[in-house]
Structures are given as C-alpha cells and as structure tokens.
Protein backbone atom coordinates (compact mmCIF):
# COMPACT_ATOMS: atom_id res chain seq x y z
CA MET A 1 -95.22 41.42 57.01
CA THR A 2 -96.62 38.91 54.42
CA SER A 3 -97.59 35.37 55.12
CA SER A 4 -94.52 33.87 53.53
CA GLN A 5 -92.16 36.20 55.43
CA ILE A 6 -93.78 35.14 58.66
CA THR A 7 -93.35 31.53 57.81
CA ALA A 8 -89.67 32.18 56.99
CA VAL A 9 -89.01 34.10 60.19
CA CYS A 10 -90.90 31.21 62.08
CA LYS A 11 -88.73 28.48 60.33
CA PHE A 12 -85.49 30.43 61.16
CA PHE A 13 -86.41 30.59 64.84
CA GLY A 14 -87.48 27.06 65.00
CA ILE A 15 -91.11 27.76 66.02
CA THR A 16 -92.92 25.97 63.14
CA GLY A 17 -94.52 22.71 63.83
CA SER A 18 -94.15 19.63 61.76
CA THR A 19 -96.62 18.71 59.33
CA ASP A 20 -95.93 15.05 59.86
CA ASP A 21 -98.76 14.31 62.37
CA TRP A 22 -96.87 11.43 64.51
CA TRP A 23 -99.90 11.83 66.91
CA LEU A 24 -102.05 10.31 64.51
CA ARG A 25 -99.47 7.66 63.44
CA ILE A 26 -99.16 6.34 67.17
CA GLY A 27 -102.90 5.98 67.22
CA LEU A 28 -103.89 8.50 69.71
CA TYR A 29 -106.81 9.76 67.50
CA GLU A 30 -108.21 6.29 67.00
CA SER A 31 -109.54 5.61 70.59
CA TRP A 32 -109.56 6.82 74.16
CA GLY A 33 -107.89 3.55 75.19
CA ILE A 34 -104.68 4.15 73.19
CA TRP A 35 -104.44 7.74 74.32
CA VAL A 36 -104.68 6.80 77.86
CA PHE A 37 -102.11 3.87 77.40
CA TRP A 38 -99.49 6.39 76.09
CA LEU A 39 -100.22 8.96 78.57
CA PHE A 40 -100.08 6.44 81.41
CA TRP A 41 -96.68 5.33 80.35
CA ALA A 42 -95.28 8.99 80.30
CA PHE A 43 -96.74 9.48 83.63
CA LEU A 44 -95.05 6.33 84.89
CA ILE A 45 -91.69 7.32 83.27
CA GLY A 46 -92.06 10.73 84.62
CA SER A 47 -92.94 9.47 88.31
CA CYS A 48 -89.77 7.39 88.28
CA MET A 49 -87.81 10.15 87.19
CA GLY A 50 -89.50 12.28 89.79
CA SER A 51 -88.19 9.85 92.28
CA PHE A 52 -84.50 10.37 91.16
CA LEU A 53 -85.06 14.01 91.20
CA ASN A 54 -86.13 13.92 94.78
CA VAL A 55 -82.54 12.27 95.34
CA CYS A 56 -80.95 15.16 93.55
CA VAL A 57 -82.87 17.85 95.61
CA LEU A 58 -81.90 16.21 98.65
CA ARG A 59 -78.28 15.40 98.17
CA ILE A 60 -76.77 17.81 95.73
CA PRO A 61 -76.95 20.97 98.24
CA ARG A 62 -75.19 18.57 100.87
CA GLY A 63 -72.36 17.64 98.49
CA GLU A 64 -73.37 14.14 98.57
CA SER A 65 -73.26 11.71 95.36
CA VAL A 66 -76.72 10.92 93.82
CA SER A 67 -75.44 7.46 92.57
CA ASP A 68 -72.97 5.94 94.94
CA GLN A 69 -75.23 5.59 97.96
CA PRO A 70 -78.47 3.70 97.87
CA SER A 71 -81.86 5.13 98.92
CA HIS A 72 -82.12 4.74 102.88
CA CYS A 73 -84.27 6.06 105.74
CA LEU A 74 -82.88 9.23 106.90
CA GLY A 75 -84.13 8.35 110.42
CA CYS A 76 -82.98 4.79 111.05
CA GLY A 77 -80.55 4.28 108.18
CA MET A 78 -82.44 1.22 106.83
CA LEU A 79 -81.76 0.80 103.16
CA ILE A 80 -85.04 1.10 101.15
CA ARG A 81 -85.95 -1.94 99.40
CA TRP A 82 -87.26 -1.99 95.72
CA TYR A 83 -90.86 -2.72 96.82
CA ASP A 84 -90.84 0.34 99.12
CA ASN A 85 -89.21 2.47 96.63
CA ILE A 86 -92.09 2.39 93.83
CA PRO A 87 -93.05 5.97 92.89
CA VAL A 88 -96.23 7.25 94.19
CA PHE A 89 -97.55 3.51 95.07
CA SER A 90 -95.22 2.81 97.87
CA TYR A 91 -95.61 6.13 99.49
CA LEU A 92 -99.42 5.52 99.60
CA CYS A 93 -99.01 1.95 100.75
CA LEU A 94 -96.58 2.97 103.68
CA LEU A 95 -98.95 5.89 104.52
CA GLY A 96 -95.95 8.20 104.24
CA LYS A 97 -93.88 6.50 106.85
CA CYS A 98 -90.69 4.18 107.04
CA ARG A 99 -91.52 0.64 107.43
CA LYS A 100 -88.82 0.13 109.96
CA CYS A 101 -88.72 3.19 112.39
CA GLY A 102 -92.12 4.91 111.30
CA MET A 103 -90.36 8.20 110.63
CA LYS A 104 -92.77 10.44 108.70
CA ILE A 105 -91.65 10.80 104.96
CA PRO A 106 -92.24 14.47 103.81
CA PRO A 107 -95.17 14.71 101.50
CA ARG A 108 -92.88 16.74 99.10
CA TYR A 109 -91.53 13.33 97.88
CA LEU A 110 -94.91 12.17 96.85
CA LEU A 111 -95.76 15.59 95.31
CA MET A 112 -92.64 15.64 93.38
CA GLU A 113 -93.10 12.13 91.94
CA LEU A 114 -96.91 13.06 91.08
CA PHE A 115 -96.08 16.45 89.59
CA THR A 116 -93.18 15.17 87.51
CA GLY A 117 -95.36 12.41 86.01
CA LEU A 118 -98.12 14.86 85.12
CA LEU A 119 -95.44 17.12 83.56
CA TYR A 120 -94.08 14.49 81.44
CA ALA A 121 -97.64 13.45 80.26
CA GLY A 122 -98.35 16.91 79.66
CA ALA A 123 -95.30 17.40 77.57
CA LEU A 124 -96.34 14.49 75.43
CA ALA A 125 -99.83 15.72 75.05
CA SER A 126 -98.81 19.17 74.08
CA ALA A 127 -96.23 17.89 71.46
CA GLY A 128 -98.86 15.93 69.83
CA TRP A 129 -101.46 18.54 70.07
CA ASN A 130 -99.42 21.11 68.58
CA SER A 131 -98.05 18.66 65.97
CA GLN A 132 -94.49 19.44 66.92
CA PRO A 133 -92.00 16.66 65.78
CA PRO A 134 -91.56 13.77 68.39
CA GLU A 135 -87.69 14.74 68.55
CA VAL A 136 -88.83 17.93 70.87
CA LEU A 137 -89.72 15.72 73.69
CA ALA A 138 -85.93 14.92 73.75
CA VAL A 139 -85.22 18.57 74.78
CA ASN A 140 -88.44 19.53 76.58
CA ILE A 141 -88.26 16.53 79.05
CA PRO A 142 -84.83 17.36 80.26
CA LEU A 143 -85.74 21.23 80.34
CA LEU A 144 -88.62 20.23 82.51
CA SER A 145 -86.49 18.10 84.75
CA LEU A 146 -83.82 20.99 85.15
CA ALA A 147 -86.56 23.24 85.98
CA LEU A 148 -88.16 21.09 88.76
CA VAL A 149 -84.76 20.52 90.38
CA THR A 150 -83.77 24.19 90.15
CA PHE A 151 -87.02 25.44 91.67
CA GLN A 152 -86.62 23.21 94.68
CA ILE A 153 -83.10 23.64 95.34
CA ASP A 154 -82.79 27.51 94.58
CA TRP A 155 -86.01 28.18 96.60
CA LYS A 156 -84.56 26.24 99.78
CA CYS A 157 -80.77 26.85 99.28
CA ARG A 158 -80.37 29.88 97.17
CA LEU A 159 -78.28 27.66 94.86
CA ILE A 160 -78.25 26.50 91.26
CA PRO A 161 -75.69 23.73 91.24
CA ASP A 162 -73.30 22.99 88.45
CA GLN A 163 -74.26 18.99 88.72
CA THR A 164 -77.67 20.08 87.09
CA THR A 165 -76.81 22.86 84.43
CA TYR A 166 -73.57 21.21 82.99
CA PRO A 167 -75.51 18.00 82.30
CA ALA A 168 -78.43 19.97 80.74
CA MET A 169 -76.04 21.87 78.39
CA VAL A 170 -74.45 18.66 77.40
CA THR A 171 -77.70 17.09 76.76
CA GLY A 172 -78.88 20.05 74.52
CA LEU A 173 -75.84 20.01 72.39
CA LEU A 174 -75.96 16.22 71.82
CA VAL A 175 -79.95 16.10 70.97
CA SER A 176 -79.25 19.05 68.65
CA ALA A 177 -76.52 17.04 66.76
CA LEU A 178 -78.11 13.50 66.89
CA LEU A 179 -81.84 14.74 66.69
CA PRO A 180 -81.73 18.13 64.65
CA GLY A 181 -85.42 17.87 64.15
CA ALA A 182 -86.00 18.76 67.81
CA PHE A 183 -85.07 22.31 66.76
CA ALA A 184 -86.72 21.97 63.12
CA ARG A 185 -83.37 21.64 61.65
CA GLU A 186 -82.49 19.07 58.89
CA SER A 187 -78.80 18.33 59.32
CA TRP A 188 -76.81 17.90 62.50
CA MET A 189 -74.56 20.83 61.95
CA ALA A 190 -77.53 22.96 61.65
CA GLY A 191 -79.08 21.74 64.70
CA LEU A 192 -75.71 21.87 66.65
CA LEU A 193 -75.20 25.39 65.50
CA TYR A 194 -78.85 26.32 66.81
CA SER A 195 -78.30 24.85 70.04
CA GLY A 196 -74.73 26.21 70.42
CA LEU A 197 -75.90 29.58 69.52
CA GLY A 198 -78.46 29.55 72.29
CA LEU A 199 -75.96 28.48 74.81
CA ALA A 200 -73.12 30.71 73.99
CA GLY A 201 -75.40 33.87 73.30
CA MET A 202 -76.89 33.21 76.85
CA GLY A 203 -73.35 32.73 78.48
CA ILE A 204 -71.81 35.74 76.80
CA GLY A 205 -74.59 38.06 77.11
CA LEU A 206 -75.57 37.46 80.64
CA ALA A 207 -71.71 37.09 81.87
CA LEU A 208 -71.19 40.47 80.56
CA PHE A 209 -74.34 41.83 82.19
CA ALA A 210 -73.33 40.31 85.48
CA VAL A 211 -70.02 41.62 85.44
CA VAL A 212 -70.77 45.09 84.21
CA GLY A 213 -73.90 45.29 86.51
CA GLU A 214 -71.89 44.12 89.62
CA LYS A 215 -69.22 47.15 89.03
CA ILE A 216 -71.92 49.80 88.46
CA ALA A 217 -74.18 48.59 91.37
CA LYS A 218 -71.52 47.60 93.64
CA GLN A 219 -73.23 44.31 94.51
CA GLU A 220 -74.39 41.16 92.44
CA VAL A 221 -77.15 41.62 89.98
CA PHE A 222 -77.34 38.33 88.34
CA GLY A 223 -76.07 35.32 90.13
CA TRP A 224 -73.71 32.96 88.22
CA GLY A 225 -75.89 30.03 88.81
CA ASP A 226 -78.74 31.96 86.91
CA VAL A 227 -76.25 32.49 83.96
CA LYS A 228 -75.52 28.88 83.83
CA TYR A 229 -79.08 27.98 84.04
CA MET A 230 -79.93 30.29 81.16
CA MET A 231 -77.03 28.76 79.10
CA ALA A 232 -78.64 25.19 79.70
CA ALA A 233 -81.79 26.70 78.74
CA GLY A 234 -80.21 28.13 75.50
CA ALA A 235 -78.80 24.73 74.65
CA LEU A 236 -82.12 22.95 75.29
CA ALA A 237 -84.61 25.76 73.73
CA GLY A 238 -82.45 27.55 71.27
CA LEU A 239 -81.76 31.37 71.66
CA PRO A 240 -85.47 32.36 71.12
CA GLY A 241 -86.57 29.97 73.64
CA ALA A 242 -84.05 31.24 76.18
CA VAL A 243 -84.80 34.86 75.51
CA PHE A 244 -88.58 34.05 76.01
CA ILE A 245 -87.77 32.13 79.42
CA LEU A 246 -85.24 34.91 80.61
CA THR A 247 -87.82 37.69 79.70
CA THR A 248 -90.71 35.92 81.24
CA GLY A 249 -88.85 34.73 84.12
CA SER A 250 -87.54 38.19 84.91
CA ILE A 251 -91.40 39.52 84.80
CA PHE A 252 -92.36 36.60 87.18
CA GLY A 253 -89.43 37.59 89.32
CA VAL A 254 -90.60 41.36 89.56
CA LEU A 255 -94.17 40.47 90.11
CA PHE A 256 -93.38 38.05 93.00
CA GLY A 257 -90.73 40.67 94.34
CA LEU A 258 -93.40 43.45 94.42
CA TYR A 259 -95.72 40.95 96.23
CA VAL A 260 -93.16 39.93 98.83
CA ALA A 261 -92.39 43.60 99.37
CA ILE A 262 -96.15 44.66 99.88
CA LEU A 263 -96.58 41.74 102.14
CA ARG A 264 -93.62 42.73 104.30
CA TYR A 265 -94.77 46.32 104.20
CA ARG A 266 -98.31 45.27 105.54
CA ARG A 267 -96.88 43.53 108.45
CA GLY A 268 -94.62 46.18 109.45
CA ARG A 269 -91.37 44.65 108.34
CA PRO A 270 -88.54 46.09 106.34
CA TRP A 271 -89.54 45.81 102.63
CA ARG A 272 -86.57 47.73 101.02
CA GLY A 273 -83.89 45.47 99.62
CA VAL A 274 -86.01 42.37 99.56
CA ARG A 275 -84.19 39.68 97.52
CA ILE A 276 -85.85 36.45 96.04
CA PRO A 277 -84.18 33.57 94.09
CA LEU A 278 -84.57 33.95 90.53
CA GLY A 279 -84.14 30.44 89.62
CA PRO A 280 -87.71 29.46 90.56
CA CYS A 281 -89.08 32.08 88.44
CA LEU A 282 -87.06 31.07 85.51
CA ALA A 283 -87.98 27.34 86.15
CA ALA A 284 -91.68 28.43 85.98
CA ALA A 285 -90.77 30.41 82.63
CA SER A 286 -89.25 27.26 81.20
CA ALA A 287 -92.27 25.10 81.94
CA LEU A 288 -94.38 27.78 80.26
CA TRP A 289 -92.15 27.84 77.28
CA VAL A 290 -92.60 23.84 76.97
CA PHE A 291 -96.45 24.04 76.84
CA ALA A 292 -97.10 27.56 75.21
CA GLY A 293 -93.93 29.23 74.44
CA GLU A 294 -94.09 28.88 70.63
CA LYS A 295 -97.75 30.18 70.52
CA LEU A 296 -96.93 32.78 72.90
CA LEU A 297 -93.71 33.93 71.09
CA ARG A 298 -95.61 33.98 67.70
CA LEU A 299 -98.33 36.23 69.32
CA TRP A 300 -95.59 38.60 70.61
CA LEU A 301 -93.70 38.70 67.26
CA PHE A 302 -96.74 38.77 64.89
CA GLY A 303 -99.58 40.07 66.79
CA GLY A 304 -101.37 36.57 66.70
CA MET A 305 -100.83 36.23 62.95
C-alpha cells in the first residue's frame, strides 16, 4: 500500500491528526508554567466531575435521582455544606469522616475524584501531544466519564444503566454535528453521518449477535447493557474506534476470565461457567482508545507504517 493510499484510508477512518498545532498556540511549548496551568485546570475540572460521577455510581443503581436530592451523609443524613464538598481537598481536611457523626467516608470517593482529574489532564496532554484537533476533547472526555461510571457500576451491580449510555449517545451525535472536527470531518452532515454510523453499526450488529447467540447457546451471550454501551462508544469514537474498543475489551475479558478460572481452580473451587462483567473490560478498552487507540489502530492496519 502506498503512502498516499494509507493517508486516504486514515482520513476516511478519522485517525489522522490535525496539522494545526493548537498545543503550540495555547503556549504549552513556551514555558513549564503555562503547561502546568492548563493541566491543573484540566485536573480541577476532572476532579469536580469525579465528584458528580461518585453520585451517579451511588444513586443510579438504587433508582435515585442524581439531581433532585442534595449531597448528604449516609449515616446521619446531614446535608453536606459546600466547603465540605470540595473535591479531594475536603476529603483530606475531614480525614475521610463526616463532620457531624464521624462516619468514615469510603476512600473510593477520593480515588474517583483523583483518578478522574488525572484522566482529564491526561486527555488534554494526549490530544496536544498527538496534534489532534482540540474538538476531540469534546468526545474523549464524555467517553472517559462513561467508562469510569460503567466500570464501577457494572463491577459491583452487573448493570450498565440506560441513564449513562443514552446521554452518551446523544452527546456523541450532538458533538459530531456541532464540532465535526472531532472526527476529522469538515461539515456537520459528514460528522453526524460518521457518529451515526458508529452508533447504528454497533447497535444493529451486536443486537443481531445477542439475539442469534442466545438462540444458539440457550443463554445470554451478550448483555443488552453491553450493546448500549457499545452504541454510545460508536457515537463518541466512530465505527473504527468502537470496533477497537469491542475487540480490545473482548480480549481483556477473555484474559481476565482465564485468570479468575485459574485462581478458582487452584483454590479448589468450581471454575467452569465463570462469568465476569464485560463492562469494566470495555471501559478499560475505551480509555486505551483515548490515549493510544489511533496509534495502535494504525499499527494494526498498516504494520507501523
């Protein structure tokens, strides 16, 4: 395959970087101070979003609203004041305890805020380092947020709720029309078509696989929550990104399943029929796509060319 053909294929799949080096234009090559400034704000925004994602992880599986009820202590019911609700900072100041009743606040809340902040800062750094257009953050950030919530909820509850996947689908379609540059497209119609193709392709293909597979195997082979997650991934990452996420997530799932089966076998416990949630594996693959997916896909398609 010639260089021009490779470039054309990459452009079609939306895996080409932007030649407009916005990373340089916002001053991040000029001094470490500016670099730290932008990454600090990305971390700050991410940690604030991590605080909201904590609410989603806690309330959505219980069927509670994430907006109607203010944050409160699960022990004494005291409403959490704004200065006790500052991401990371308040947890450290309170030593991980409620101000009123002293109930211990699980460290996972702190870790979620820290990890989300680091992922947001990493997404900014990755986009700039790879000379991707700034619009790509409008799809990468929602994809990372969806992955974080899905990882925790599906791991604990074996559930991928519609309250997370449907908004992600809508976000992908809206961004594709308003900011087509996120998918390396020049018109809103081309952007919407690209995102819609990813959503529809995943939805139709995996729905057929789930239905036919269940009839053949006489049991569920692919959960409908997983189907909706992949539809959301298709809307946010396009069809090539969604295929990468599905393939990589399936590989992660097989490897993790083998690990669990071997562990159970060594402990003398039944290892046949081990079932693990696929959502966390798809979530990990989504993060991999954001940070290295284009390079890995290029390597897979063209052998490093």
